PDB file of N, CA and C in Angstrom:
ATOM      1  N   MET A   1       0.819  -1.203   0.000  1.00  0.00           N
ATOM      2  CA  MET A   1       0.000   0.000   0.000  1.00  0.00           C
ATOM      3  C   MET A   1       0.865   1.269   0.000  1.00  0.00           C
ATOM      4  N   ALA A   2       2.073   1.173   0.584  1.00  0.00           N
ATOM      5  CA  ALA A   2       2.948   2.341   0.656  1.00  0.00           C
ATOM      6  C   ALA A   2       3.315   2.847  -0.737  1.00  0.00           C
ATOM      7  N   TRP A   3       3.529   1.930  -1.671  1.00  0.00           N
ATOM      8  CA  TRP A   3       3.870   2.353  -3.039  1.00  0.00           C
ATOM      9  C   TRP A   3       2.701   3.070  -3.696  1.00  0.00           C
ATOM     10  N   PHE A   4       1.489   2.640  -3.410  1.00  0.00           N
ATOM     11  CA  PHE A   4       0.304   3.332  -3.931  1.00  0.00           C
ATOM     12  C   PHE A   4       0.279   4.767  -3.421  1.00  0.00           C
ATOM     13  N   TRP A   5       0.488   4.949  -2.092  1.00  0.00           N
ATOM     14  CA  TRP A   5       0.482   6.299  -1.527  1.00  0.00           C
ATOM     15  C   TRP A   5       1.606   7.151  -2.112  1.00  0.00           C
ATOM     16  N   LEU A   6       2.746   6.517  -2.336  1.00  0.00           N
ATOM     17  CA  LEU A   6       3.878   7.251  -2.899  1.00  0.00           C
ATOM     18  C   LEU A   6       3.583   7.723  -4.319  1.00  0.00           C
ATOM     19  N   ILE A   7       3.029   6.857  -5.133  1.00  0.00           N
ATOM     20  CA  ILE A   7       2.686   7.233  -6.505  1.00  0.00           C
ATOM     21  C   ILE A   7       1.632   8.329  -6.505  1.00  0.00           C
ATOM     22  N   LEU A   8       0.610   8.182  -5.672  1.00  0.00           N
ATOM     23  CA  LEU A   8      -0.432   9.201  -5.585  1.00  0.00           C
ATOM     24  C   LEU A   8       0.161  10.535  -5.111  1.00  0.00           C
ATOM     25  N   GLY A   9       1.057  10.476  -4.148  1.00  0.00           N
ATOM     26  CA  GLY A   9       1.728  11.694  -3.691  1.00  0.00           C
ATOM     27  C   GLY A   9       2.527  12.352  -4.803  1.00  0.00           C
ATOM     28  N   GLY A  10       3.190  11.538  -5.633  1.00  0.00           N
ATOM     29  CA  GLY A  10       3.922  12.075  -6.780  1.00  0.00           C
ATOM     30  C   GLY A  10       3.001  12.766  -7.770  1.00  0.00           C
ATOM     31  N   LEU A  11       1.808  12.214  -7.946  1.00  0.00           N
ATOM     32  CA  LEU A  11       0.839  12.842  -8.850  1.00  0.00           C
ATOM     33  C   LEU A  11       0.342  14.168  -8.283  1.00  0.00           C
ATOM     34  N   PHE A  12       0.171  14.233  -6.960  1.00  0.00           N
ATOM     35  CA  PHE A  12      -0.203  15.522  -6.357  1.00  0.00           C
ATOM     36  C   PHE A  12       0.944  16.530  -6.472  1.00  0.00           C
ATOM     37  N   GLU A  13       2.175  16.042  -6.536  1.00  0.00           N
ATOM     38  CA  GLU A  13       3.295  16.951  -6.787  1.00  0.00           C
ATOM     39  C   GLU A  13       3.141  17.600  -8.159  1.00  0.00           C
ATOM     40  N   VAL A  14       2.713  16.834  -9.127  1.00  0.00           N
ATOM     41  CA  VAL A  14       2.444  17.394 -10.460  1.00  0.00           C
ATOM     42  C   VAL A  14       1.371  18.479 -10.338  1.00  0.00           C
ATOM     43  N   GLY A  15       0.380  18.236  -9.487  1.00  0.00           N
ATOM     44  CA  GLY A  15      -0.670  19.237  -9.259  1.00  0.00           C
ATOM     45  C   GLY A  15      -0.120  20.532  -8.697  1.00  0.00           C
ATOM     46  N   PHE A  16       0.790  20.434  -7.724  1.00  0.00           N
ATOM     47  CA  PHE A  16       1.271  21.695  -7.163  1.00  0.00           C
ATOM     48  C   PHE A  16       2.249  22.399  -8.078  1.00  0.00           C
ATOM     49  N   THR A  17       3.039  21.659  -8.849  1.00  0.00           N
ATOM     50  CA  THR A  17       3.927  22.357  -9.782  1.00  0.00           C
ATOM     51  C   THR A  17       3.141  23.003 -10.914  1.00  0.00           C
ATOM     52  N   THR A  18       2.087  22.338 -11.343  1.00  0.00           N
ATOM     53  CA  THR A  18       1.240  22.920 -12.395  1.00  0.00           C
ATOM     54  C   THR A  18       0.505  24.146 -11.868  1.00  0.00           C
ATOM     55  N   SER A  19       0.011  24.067 -10.634  1.00  0.00           N
ATOM     56  CA  SER A  19      -0.689  25.207 -10.027  1.00  0.00           C
ATOM     57  C   SER A  19       0.223  26.424  -9.911  1.00  0.00           C
ATOM     58  N   LEU A  20       1.509  26.182  -9.650  1.00  0.00           N
ATOM     59  CA  LEU A  20       2.451  27.301  -9.529  1.00  0.00           C
ATOM     60  C   LEU A  20       2.473  28.185 -10.767  1.00  0.00           C
ATOM     61  N   ARG A  21       2.187  27.581 -11.900  1.00  0.00           N
ATOM     62  CA  ARG A  21       2.185  28.335 -13.163  1.00  0.00           C
ATOM     63  C   ARG A  21       1.132  29.451 -13.146  1.00  0.00           C
ATOM     64  N   PHE A  22       0.102  29.282 -12.335  1.00  0.00           N
ATOM     65  CA  PHE A  22      -1.048  30.187 -12.375  1.00  0.00           C
ATOM     66  C   PHE A  22      -1.267  31.008 -11.111  1.00  0.00           C
ATOM     67  N   VAL A  23      -0.449  30.835 -10.074  1.00  0.00           N
ATOM     68  CA  VAL A  23      -0.732  31.527  -8.812  1.00  0.00           C
ATOM     69  C   VAL A  23      -0.529  33.041  -8.890  1.00  0.00           C
ATOM     70  N   ASP A  24       0.265  33.513  -9.846  1.00  0.00           N
ATOM     71  CA  ASP A  24       0.476  34.953 -10.056  1.00  0.00           C
ATOM     72  C   ASP A  24       0.885  35.647  -8.762  1.00  0.00           C
ATOM     73  N   GLY A  25       2.009  35.194  -8.217  1.00  0.00           N
ATOM     74  CA  GLY A  25       2.496  35.808  -6.980  1.00  0.00           C
ATOM     75  C   GLY A  25       1.558  35.561  -5.806  1.00  0.00           C
ATOM     76  N   PHE A  26       0.821  34.474  -5.853  1.00  0.00           N
ATOM     77  CA  PHE A  26      -0.167  34.085  -4.846  1.00  0.00           C
ATOM     78  C   PHE A  26      -1.322  35.078  -4.740  1.00  0.00           C
ATOM     79  N   ARG A  27      -1.566  35.800  -5.842  1.00  0.00           N
ATOM     80  CA  ARG A  27      -2.709  36.716  -5.897  1.00  0.00           C
ATOM     81  C   ARG A  27      -3.935  36.055  -6.501  1.00  0.00           C
ATOM     82  N   ASN A  28      -3.756  34.965  -7.229  1.00  0.00           N
ATOM     83  CA  ASN A  28      -4.873  34.241  -7.832  1.00  0.00           C
ATOM     84  C   ASN A  28      -5.335  33.200  -6.816  1.00  0.00           C
ATOM     85  N   LEU A  29      -6.394  33.526  -6.079  1.00  0.00           N
ATOM     86  CA  LEU A  29      -6.810  32.717  -4.937  1.00  0.00           C
ATOM     87  C   LEU A  29      -7.161  31.273  -5.289  1.00  0.00           C
ATOM     88  N   PRO A  30      -7.965  31.002  -6.326  1.00  0.00           N
ATOM     89  CA  PRO A  30      -8.279  29.591  -6.615  1.00  0.00           C
ATOM     90  C   PRO A  30      -7.038  28.748  -6.907  1.00  0.00           C
ATOM     91  N   TRP A  31      -6.105  29.287  -7.683  1.00  0.00           N
ATOM     92  CA  TRP A  31      -4.890  28.535  -8.000  1.00  0.00           C
ATOM     93  C   TRP A  31      -3.961  28.446  -6.793  1.00  0.00           C
ATOM     94  N   THR A  32      -3.947  29.476  -5.970  1.00  0.00           N
ATOM     95  CA  THR A  32      -3.157  29.422  -4.741  1.00  0.00           C
ATOM     96  C   THR A  32      -3.696  28.346  -3.810  1.00  0.00           C
ATOM     97  N   LEU A  33      -5.008  28.256  -3.680  1.00  0.00           N
ATOM     98  CA  LEU A  33      -5.609  27.204  -2.849  1.00  0.00           C
ATOM     99  C   LEU A  33      -5.319  25.819  -3.429  1.00  0.00           C
ATOM    100  N   ALA A  34      -5.393  25.682  -4.750  1.00  0.00           N
ATOM    101  CA  ALA A  34      -5.076  24.404  -5.390  1.00  0.00           C
ATOM    102  C   ALA A  34      -3.625  24.031  -5.108  1.00  0.00           C
ATOM    103  N   PHE A  35      -2.733  25.018  -5.175  1.00  0.00           N
ATOM    104  CA  PHE A  35      -1.325  24.788  -4.865  1.00  0.00           C
ATOM    105  C   PHE A  35      -1.156  24.319  -3.428  1.00  0.00           C
ATOM    106  N   LEU A  36      -1.741  25.032  -2.488  1.00  0.00           N
ATOM    107  CA  LEU A  36      -1.577  24.695  -1.069  1.00  0.00           C
ATOM    108  C   LEU A  36      -2.148  23.322  -0.733  1.00  0.00           C
ATOM    109  N   VAL A  37      -3.323  23.018  -1.266  1.00  0.00           N
ATOM    110  CA  VAL A  37      -3.921  21.703  -1.026  1.00  0.00           C
ATOM    111  C   VAL A  37      -3.051  20.613  -1.633  1.00  0.00           C
ATOM    112  N   SER A  38      -2.592  20.830  -2.864  1.00  0.00           N
ATOM    113  CA  SER A  38      -1.746  19.829  -3.531  1.00  0.00           C
ATOM    114  C   SER A  38      -0.449  19.597  -2.776  1.00  0.00           C
ATOM    115  N   VAL A  39       0.184  20.664  -2.302  1.00  0.00           N
ATOM    116  CA  VAL A  39       1.420  20.524  -1.529  1.00  0.00           C
ATOM    117  C   VAL A  39       1.147  19.730  -0.255  1.00  0.00           C
ATOM    118  N   GLY A  40       0.080  20.090   0.455  1.00  0.00           N
ATOM    119  CA  GLY A  40      -0.239  19.412   1.705  1.00  0.00           C
ATOM    120  C   GLY A  40      -0.509  17.932   1.514  1.00  0.00           C
ATOM    121  N   VAL A  41      -1.324  17.604   0.510  1.00  0.00           N
ATOM    122  CA  VAL A  41      -1.652  16.201   0.244  1.00  0.00           C
ATOM    123  C   VAL A  41      -0.407  15.452  -0.212  1.00  0.00           C
ATOM    124  N   SER A  42       0.359  16.057  -1.099  1.00  0.00           N
ATOM    125  CA  SER A  42       1.561  15.411  -1.613  1.00  0.00           C
ATOM    126  C   SER A  42       2.546  15.096  -0.496  1.00  0.00           C
ATOM    127  N   MET A  43       2.807  16.058   0.361  1.00  0.00           N
ATOM    128  CA  MET A  43       3.748  15.853   1.464  1.00  0.00           C
ATOM    129  C   MET A  43       3.220  14.822   2.460  1.00  0.00           C
ATOM    130  N   ALA A  44       1.934  14.873   2.740  1.00  0.00           N
ATOM    131  CA  ALA A  44       1.351  13.905   3.678  1.00  0.00           C
ATOM    132  C   ALA A  44       1.468  12.483   3.131  1.00  0.00           C
ATOM    133  N   LEU A  45       1.247  12.326   1.847  1.00  0.00           N
ATOM    134  CA  LEU A  45       1.353  10.994   1.245  1.00  0.00           C
ATOM    135  C   LEU A  45       2.808  10.518   1.194  1.00  0.00           C
ATOM    136  N   LEU A  46       3.740  11.438   0.950  1.00  0.00           N
ATOM    137  CA  LEU A  46       5.158  11.082   1.002  1.00  0.00           C
ATOM    138  C   LEU A  46       5.526  10.606   2.402  1.00  0.00           C
ATOM    139  N   GLU A  47       5.071  11.318   3.403  1.00  0.00           N
ATOM    140  CA  GLU A  47       5.368  10.929   4.785  1.00  0.00           C
ATOM    141  C   GLU A  47       4.764   9.567   5.107  1.00  0.00           C
ATOM    142  N   LEU A  48       3.547   9.338   4.674  1.00  0.00           N
ATOM    143  CA  LEU A  48       2.884   8.057   4.910  1.00  0.00           C
ATOM    144  C   LEU A  48       3.653   6.914   4.250  1.00  0.00           C
ATOM    145  N   ALA A  49       4.059   7.113   3.020  1.00  0.00           N
ATOM    146  CA  ALA A  49       4.809   6.081   2.293  1.00  0.00           C
ATOM    147  C   ALA A  49       6.166   5.833   2.943  1.00  0.00           C
ATOM    148  N   ALA A  50       6.798   6.891   3.444  1.00  0.00           N
ATOM    149  CA  ALA A  50       8.136   6.777   4.016  1.00  0.00           C
ATOM    150  C   ALA A  50       8.139   6.064   5.364  1.00  0.00           C
ATOM    151  N   ARG A  51       6.986   5.751   5.883  1.00  0.00           N
ATOM    152  CA  ARG A  51       6.927   4.933   7.101  1.00  0.00           C
ATOM    153  C   ARG A  51       7.360   3.506   6.801  1.00  0.00           C
ATOM    154  N   THR A  52       7.180   3.089   5.536  1.00  0.00           N
ATOM    155  CA  THR A  52       7.513   1.726   5.125  1.00  0.00           C
ATOM    156  C   THR A  52       8.693   1.692   4.154  1.00  0.00           C
ATOM    157  N   ILE A  53       8.697   2.611   3.211  1.00  0.00           N
ATOM    158  CA  ILE A  53       9.740   2.678   2.186  1.00  0.00           C
ATOM    159  C   ILE A  53      10.867   3.560   2.729  1.00  0.00           C
ATOM    160  N   PRO A  54      12.126   3.174   2.562  1.00  0.00           N
ATOM    161  CA  PRO A  54      13.221   4.040   3.027  1.00  0.00           C
ATOM    162  C   PRO A  54      13.089   5.456   2.456  1.00  0.00           C
ATOM    163  N   MET A  55      13.355   6.446   3.310  1.00  0.00           N
ATOM    164  CA  MET A  55      13.130   7.845   2.919  1.00  0.00           C
ATOM    165  C   MET A  55      13.872   8.225   1.650  1.00  0.00           C
ATOM    166  N   GLY A  56      15.114   7.802   1.485  1.00  0.00           N
ATOM    167  CA  GLY A  56      15.859   8.146   0.267  1.00  0.00           C
ATOM    168  C   GLY A  56      15.189   7.611  -0.980  1.00  0.00           C
ATOM    169  N   THR A  57      14.736   6.382  -0.912  1.00  0.00           N
ATOM    170  CA  THR A  57      14.023   5.775  -2.047  1.00  0.00           C
ATOM    171  C   THR A  57      12.697   6.481  -2.273  1.00  0.00           C
ATOM    172  N   ALA A  58      11.948   6.699  -1.191  1.00  0.00           N
ATOM    173  CA  ALA A  58      10.637   7.346  -1.314  1.00  0.00           C
ATOM    174  C   ALA A  58      10.769   8.733  -1.929  1.00  0.00           C
ATOM    175  N   TYR A  59      11.737   9.502  -1.435  1.00  0.00           N
ATOM    176  CA  TYR A  59      11.905  10.863  -1.944  1.00  0.00           C
ATOM    177  C   TYR A  59      12.316  10.870  -3.416  1.00  0.00           C
ATOM    178  N   ALA A  60      13.233   9.977  -3.783  1.00  0.00           N
ATOM    179  CA  ALA A  60      13.684   9.909  -5.178  1.00  0.00           C
ATOM    180  C   ALA A  60      12.538   9.533  -6.108  1.00  0.00           C
ATOM    181  N   VAL A  61      11.741   8.565  -5.711  1.00  0.00           N
ATOM    182  CA  VAL A  61      10.607   8.144  -6.542  1.00  0.00           C
ATOM    183  C   VAL A  61       9.564   9.247  -6.607  1.00  0.00           C
ATOM    184  N   TRP A  62       9.236   9.840  -5.473  1.00  0.00           N
ATOM    185  CA  TRP A  62       8.250  10.928  -5.408  1.00  0.00           C
ATOM    186  C   TRP A  62       8.692  12.095  -6.299  1.00  0.00           C
ATOM    187  N   GLY A  63       9.953  12.493  -6.172  1.00  0.00           N
ATOM    188  CA  GLY A  63      10.471  13.591  -6.997  1.00  0.00           C
ATOM    189  C   GLY A  63      10.522  13.233  -8.471  1.00  0.00           C
ATOM    190  N   GLY A  64      10.877  11.982  -8.768  1.00  0.00           N
ATOM    191  CA  GLY A  64      10.915  11.539 -10.161  1.00  0.00           C
ATOM    192  C   GLY A  64       9.547  11.542 -10.806  1.00  0.00           C
ATOM    193  N   ILE A  65       8.546  11.059 -10.068  1.00  0.00           N
ATOM    194  CA  ILE A  65       7.175  11.075 -10.592  1.00  0.00           C
ATOM    195  C   ILE A  65       6.742  12.513 -10.837  1.00  0.00           C
ATOM    196  N   GLY A  66       7.040  13.379  -9.877  1.00  0.00           N
ATOM    197  CA  GLY A  66       6.685  14.793 -10.039  1.00  0.00           C
ATOM    198  C   GLY A  66       7.388  15.433 -11.223  1.00  0.00           C
ATOM    199  N   ALA A  67       8.672  15.134 -11.396  1.00  0.00           N
ATOM    200  CA  ALA A  67       9.430  15.718 -12.504  1.00  0.00           C
ATOM    201  C   ALA A  67       8.915  15.236 -13.852  1.00  0.00           C
ATOM    202  N   VAL A  68       8.745  13.923 -13.978  1.00  0.00           N
ATOM    203  CA  VAL A  68       8.255  13.370 -15.248  1.00  0.00           C
ATOM    204  C   VAL A  68       6.844  13.873 -15.533  1.00  0.00           C
ATOM    205  N   GLY A  69       5.997  13.835 -14.517  1.00  0.00           N
ATOM    206  CA  GLY A  69       4.620  14.306 -14.714  1.00  0.00           C
ATOM    207  C   GLY A  69       4.555  15.766 -15.104  1.00  0.00           C
ATOM    208  N   THR A  70       5.391  16.588 -14.471  1.00  0.00           N
ATOM    209  CA  THR A  70       5.397  18.017 -14.780  1.00  0.00           C
ATOM    210  C   THR A  70       5.891  18.264 -16.202  1.00  0.00           C
ATOM    211  N   VAL A  71       6.902  17.540 -16.624  1.00  0.00           N
ATOM    212  CA  VAL A  71       7.382  17.662 -18.003  1.00  0.00           C
ATOM    213  C   VAL A  71       6.278  17.256 -18.981  1.00  0.00           C
ATOM    214  N   LEU A  72       5.586  16.162 -18.689  1.00  0.00           N
ATOM    215  CA  LEU A  72       4.514  15.712 -19.585  1.00  0.00           C
ATOM    216  C   LEU A  72       3.363  16.707 -19.643  1.00  0.00           C
ATOM    217  N   VAL A  73       3.008  17.297 -18.511  1.00  0.00           N
ATOM    218  CA  VAL A  73       1.973  18.348 -18.506  1.00  0.00           C
ATOM    219  C   VAL A  73       2.436  19.516 -19.373  1.00  0.00           C
ATOM    220  N   GLY A  74       3.695  19.897 -19.232  1.00  0.00           N
ATOM    221  CA  GLY A  74       4.234  20.986 -20.054  1.00  0.00           C
ATOM    222  C   GLY A  74       4.165  20.682 -21.536  1.00  0.00           C
ATOM    223  N   ILE A  75       4.481  19.449 -21.898  1.00  0.00           N
ATOM    224  CA  ILE A  75       4.463  19.064 -23.315  1.00  0.00           C
ATOM    225  C   ILE A  75       3.033  19.023 -23.846  1.00  0.00           C
ATOM    226  N   PHE A  76       2.146  18.333 -23.114  1.00  0.00           N
ATOM    227  CA  PHE A  76       0.798  18.088 -23.643  1.00  0.00           C
ATOM    228  C   PHE A  76      -0.171  19.243 -23.469  1.00  0.00           C
ATOM    229  N   PHE A  77       0.043  20.099 -22.462  1.00  0.00           N
ATOM    230  CA  PHE A  77      -0.929  21.165 -22.212  1.00  0.00           C
ATOM    231  C   PHE A  77      -0.387  22.568 -22.456  1.00  0.00           C
ATOM    232  N   PHE A  78       0.939  22.735 -22.454  1.00  0.00           N
ATOM    233  CA  PHE A  78       1.496  24.073 -22.587  1.00  0.00           C
ATOM    234  C   PHE A  78       2.426  24.225 -23.780  1.00  0.00           C
ATOM    235  N   GLY A  79       2.455  23.240 -24.643  1.00  0.00           N
ATOM    236  CA  GLY A  79       3.214  23.347 -25.882  1.00  0.00           C
ATOM    237  C   GLY A  79       4.720  23.391 -25.720  1.00  0.00           C
ATOM    238  N   GLU A  80       5.243  22.829 -24.635  1.00  0.00           N
ATOM    239  CA  GLU A  80       6.689  22.799 -24.459  1.00  0.00           C
ATOM    240  C   GLU A  80       7.312  21.792 -25.425  1.00  0.00           C
ATOM    241  N   ALA A  81       8.585  21.975 -25.703  1.00  0.00           N
ATOM    242  CA  ALA A  81       9.288  21.125 -26.661  1.00  0.00           C
ATOM    243  C   ALA A  81       9.298  19.663 -26.221  1.00  0.00           C
ATOM    244  N   ALA A  82       9.200  18.776 -27.220  1.00  0.00           N
ATOM    245  CA  ALA A  82       9.192  17.327 -26.952  1.00  0.00           C
ATOM    246  C   ALA A  82      10.194  16.640 -27.866  1.00  0.00           C
ATOM    247  N   GLY A  83      11.411  17.141 -27.895  1.00  0.00           N
ATOM    248  CA  GLY A  83      12.429  16.565 -28.769  1.00  0.00           C
ATOM    249  C   GLY A  83      12.810  15.158 -28.348  1.00  0.00           C
ATOM    250  N   ALA A  84      13.468  14.460 -29.254  1.00  0.00           N
ATOM    251  CA  ALA A  84      13.837  13.063 -29.024  1.00  0.00           C
ATOM    252  C   ALA A  84      14.751  12.910 -27.807  1.00  0.00           C
ATOM    253  N   LEU A  85      15.710  13.798 -27.638  1.00  0.00           N
ATOM    254  CA  LEU A  85      16.616  13.706 -26.503  1.00  0.00           C
ATOM    255  C   LEU A  85      15.865  13.937 -25.190  1.00  0.00           C
ATOM    256  N   ARG A  86      14.984  14.906 -25.179  1.00  0.00           N
ATOM    257  CA  ARG A  86      14.192  15.180 -23.971  1.00  0.00           C
ATOM    258  C   ARG A  86      13.353  13.969 -23.589  1.00  0.00           C
ATOM    259  N   ILE A  87      12.708  13.359 -24.566  1.00  0.00           N
ATOM    260  CA  ILE A  87      11.892  12.169 -24.311  1.00  0.00           C
ATOM    261  C   ILE A  87      12.776  11.014 -23.827  1.00  0.00           C
ATOM    262  N   ALA A  88      13.938  10.842 -24.428  1.00  0.00           N
ATOM    263  CA  ALA A  88      14.852   9.781 -23.998  1.00  0.00           C
ATOM    264  C   ALA A  88      15.290   9.988 -22.550  1.00  0.00           C
ATOM    265  N   LEU A  89      15.565  11.215 -22.171  1.00  0.00           N
ATOM    266  CA  LEU A  89      15.972  11.503 -20.800  1.00  0.00           C
ATOM    267  C   LEU A  89      14.820  11.268 -19.820  1.00  0.00           C
ATOM    268  N   ILE A  90      13.599  11.585 -20.226  1.00  0.00           N
ATOM    269  CA  ILE A  90      12.433  11.296 -19.391  1.00  0.00           C
ATOM    270  C   ILE A  90      12.313   9.791 -19.168  1.00  0.00           C
ATOM    271  N   PHE A  91      12.515   9.009 -20.229  1.00  0.00           N
ATOM    272  CA  PHE A  91      12.485   7.553 -20.076  1.00  0.00           C
ATOM    273  C   PHE A  91      13.590   7.090 -19.126  1.00  0.00           C
ATOM    274  N   GLY A  92      14.709   7.785 -19.128  1.00  0.00           N
ATOM    275  CA  GLY A  92      15.783   7.462 -18.191  1.00  0.00           C
ATOM    276  C   GLY A  92      15.350   7.657 -16.744  1.00  0.00           C
ATOM    277  N   ILE A  93      14.633   8.736 -16.479  1.00  0.00           N
ATOM    278  CA  ILE A  93      14.107   8.970 -15.131  1.00  0.00           C
ATOM    279  C   ILE A  93      13.128   7.859 -14.756  1.00  0.00           C
ATOM    280  N   VAL A  94      12.233   7.516 -15.683  1.00  0.00           N
ATOM    281  CA  VAL A  94      11.263   6.439 -15.432  1.00  0.00           C
ATOM    282  C   VAL A  94      11.986   5.123 -15.152  1.00  0.00           C
ATOM    283  N   ALA A  95      13.036   4.841 -15.902  1.00  0.00           N
ATOM    284  CA  ALA A  95      13.805   3.607 -15.689  1.00  0.00           C
ATOM    285  C   ALA A  95      14.440   3.602 -14.303  1.00  0.00           C
ATOM    286  N   CYS A  96      14.944   4.738 -13.863  1.00  0.00           N
ATOM    287  CA  CYS A  96      15.532   4.820 -12.523  1.00  0.00           C
ATOM    288  C   CYS A  96      14.469   4.617 -11.438  1.00  0.00           C
ATOM    289  N   ILE A  97      13.287   5.180 -11.624  1.00  0.00           N
ATOM    290  CA  ILE A  97      12.195   4.976 -10.665  1.00  0.00           C
ATOM    291  C   ILE A  97      11.842   3.492 -10.601  1.00  0.00           C
ATOM    292  N   ALA A  98      11.715   2.865 -11.770  1.00  0.00           N
ATOM    293  CA  ALA A  98      11.392   1.433 -11.800  1.00  0.00           C
ATOM    294  C   ALA A  98      12.497   0.614 -11.135  1.00  0.00           C
ATOM    295  N   GLY A  99      13.746   0.997 -11.357  1.00  0.00           N
ATOM    296  CA  GLY A  99      14.857   0.308 -10.731  1.00  0.00           C
ATOM    297  C   GLY A  99      14.819   0.411  -9.214  1.00  0.00           C
ATOM    298  N   LEU A 100      14.484   1.579  -8.696  1.00  0.00           N
ATOM    299  CA  LEU A 100      14.369   1.725  -7.243  1.00  0.00           C
ATOM    300  C   LEU A 100      13.258   0.852  -6.685  1.00  0.00           C
ATOM    301  N   LYS A 101      12.175   0.745  -7.418  1.00  0.00           N
ATOM    302  CA  LYS A 101      11.085  -0.136  -6.978  1.00  0.00           C
ATOM    303  C   LYS A 101      11.543  -1.586  -6.984  1.00  0.00           C
ATOM    304  N   LEU A 102      12.286  -1.985  -8.000  1.00  0.00           N
ATOM    305  CA  LEU A 102      12.723  -3.382  -8.124  1.00  0.00           C
ATOM    306  C   LEU A 102      13.699  -3.786  -7.019  1.00  0.00           C
ATOM    307  N   ILE A 103      14.549  -2.858  -6.588  1.00  0.00           N
ATOM    308  CA  ILE A 103      15.530  -3.249  -5.572  1.00  0.00           C
ATOM    309  C   ILE A 103      14.998  -3.114  -4.157  1.00  0.00           C
ATOM    310  N   HIS A 104      13.856  -2.492  -3.993  1.00  0.00           N
ATOM    311  CA  HIS A 104      13.300  -2.335  -2.639  1.00  0.00           C
ATOM    312  C   HIS A 104      12.630  -3.631  -2.227  1.00  0.00           C
TER     313      HIS A 104
END
């Protein structure tokens, strides 16, 4: 169950990084609230997962999910570049996350 919470926490990390794009110096209240809720849920789920999964592994996986998810949101929703090298490097991050899961 800890891996489920960790993955879900990583997805909420994508939520807070995406929300940051719209907070406008924390003057945009709905996006600021979305950011704060996403940060709170994400951190709480990371803490919950880290009760079972070693903190270094949990943090690396959580951050990797957030990084990959944020890049994908940028590509699919904000028109960011999706060159072959960028995609290959994203797959490298995914491979490292999978490797950490396999050795745990």
